[in-house]
């Protein structure tokens, strides 16, 4: 089960590897303030950045994309192609719970 927020997970990964925020920001090619904002859940990374972070830490990409509240590209494409079907599906899933 996936628990916590993206920022909490990122901070835990960084701390477990004894990396400074500055070092992580440099390795990912982003600013130190942006890393701080992500860890504090004040900013949400893009899907490509979430995937880059997953690759850097060698963790499941889909977990981090999910935590970043970014849907997989395929799901987004299906939603765009079949907007009515997608809404009906989510209504049905919600009703079944």
Protein backbone atom coordinates (compact mmCIF):
# COMPACT_ATOMS: atom_id res chain seq x y z
CA UNK A 1 0.00 0.00 0.00
CA UNK A 2 1.25 3.48 -0.85
CA UNK A 3 1.26 5.78 2.14
CA UNK A 4 2.13 9.40 2.70
CA UNK A 5 2.65 12.19 0.24
CA UNK A 6 5.13 12.59 -2.58
CA UNK A 7 7.09 15.09 -0.49
CA UNK A 8 7.27 12.74 2.49
CA UNK A 9 8.41 9.87 0.29
CA UNK A 10 11.04 12.01 -1.43
CA UNK A 11 12.42 13.28 1.86
CA UNK A 12 12.54 9.73 3.25
CA UNK A 13 14.39 8.48 0.15
CA UNK A 14 16.85 11.37 0.34
CA UNK A 15 17.47 10.99 4.07
CA UNK A 16 17.86 7.19 3.84
CA UNK A 17 20.68 7.76 1.35
CA UNK A 18 22.17 10.56 3.44
CA UNK A 19 21.92 13.08 0.61
CA UNK A 20 21.61 16.81 1.15
CA UNK A 21 18.79 18.68 -0.54
CA UNK A 22 21.42 20.69 -2.41
CA UNK A 23 23.13 17.57 -3.76
CA UNK A 24 19.82 16.03 -4.85
CA UNK A 25 18.73 19.24 -6.58
CA UNK A 26 22.03 19.37 -8.47
CA UNK A 27 21.77 15.71 -9.52
CA UNK A 28 18.20 16.22 -10.78
CA UNK A 29 18.98 19.53 -12.45
CA UNK A 30 16.44 21.53 -10.45
CA UNK A 31 16.75 24.32 -7.90
CA UNK A 32 17.23 23.83 -4.18
CA UNK A 33 14.11 25.92 -3.37
CA UNK A 34 12.05 23.68 -5.68
CA UNK A 35 13.27 20.50 -3.92
CA UNK A 36 12.36 22.12 -0.59
CA UNK A 37 8.89 23.02 -1.90
CA UNK A 38 8.31 19.46 -3.15
CA UNK A 39 9.41 17.93 0.16
CA UNK A 40 7.12 20.33 2.03
CA UNK A 41 4.23 19.41 -0.32
CA UNK A 42 4.03 23.00 -1.53
CA UNK A 43 4.80 21.96 -5.11
CA UNK A 44 3.89 18.91 -7.17
CA UNK A 45 6.51 17.64 -9.61
CA UNK A 46 5.72 17.00 -13.24
CA UNK A 47 5.33 13.40 -14.35
CA UNK A 48 8.76 13.43 -16.09
CA UNK A 49 10.40 14.77 -12.92
CA UNK A 50 8.62 12.17 -10.77
CA UNK A 51 9.94 9.49 -13.12
CA UNK A 52 13.46 10.96 -13.01
CA UNK A 53 13.36 10.91 -9.23
CA UNK A 54 12.20 7.29 -9.27
CA UNK A 55 15.04 6.36 -11.62
CA UNK A 56 17.58 8.23 -9.50
CA UNK A 57 16.48 6.37 -6.35
CA UNK A 58 15.78 3.09 -8.19
CA UNK A 59 12.18 2.86 -6.95
CA UNK A 60 8.89 2.09 -8.68
CA UNK A 61 8.06 4.89 -11.14
CA UNK A 62 4.31 4.33 -11.00
CA UNK A 63 4.29 4.68 -7.21
CA UNK A 64 5.94 8.10 -7.40
CA UNK A 65 3.78 9.19 -10.33
CA UNK A 66 0.72 8.16 -8.33
CA UNK A 67 1.94 10.02 -5.25
CA UNK A 68 2.57 13.07 -7.42
CA UNK A 69 -1.08 12.78 -8.47
CA UNK A 70 -0.08 12.35 -12.09
CA UNK A 71 -2.00 9.74 -14.04
CA UNK A 72 -0.18 7.47 -16.44
CA UNK A 73 -0.12 8.90 -19.95
CA UNK A 74 -2.17 5.97 -21.32
CA UNK A 75 -4.97 6.60 -18.83
CA UNK A 76 -5.02 10.28 -19.71
CA UNK A 77 -5.19 9.43 -23.43
CA UNK A 78 -8.13 7.08 -22.81
CA UNK A 79 -9.88 9.78 -20.79
CA UNK A 80 -9.45 12.25 -23.66
CA UNK A 81 -10.57 9.78 -26.31
CA UNK A 82 -13.59 8.43 -24.38
CA UNK A 83 -14.63 11.12 -21.87
CA UNK A 84 -18.16 9.77 -21.32
CA UNK A 85 -17.01 6.19 -20.88
CA UNK A 86 -14.40 7.23 -18.34
CA UNK A 87 -16.91 9.17 -16.25
CA UNK A 88 -19.34 6.23 -16.34
CA UNK A 89 -16.58 3.84 -15.30
CA UNK A 90 -15.61 5.94 -12.26
CA UNK A 91 -19.26 6.31 -11.24
CA UNK A 92 -19.67 2.53 -11.42
CA UNK A 93 -16.48 1.89 -9.42
CA UNK A 94 -17.56 4.37 -6.76
CA UNK A 95 -21.01 2.74 -6.54
CA UNK A 96 -19.46 -0.74 -6.09
CA UNK A 97 -17.47 0.37 -3.05
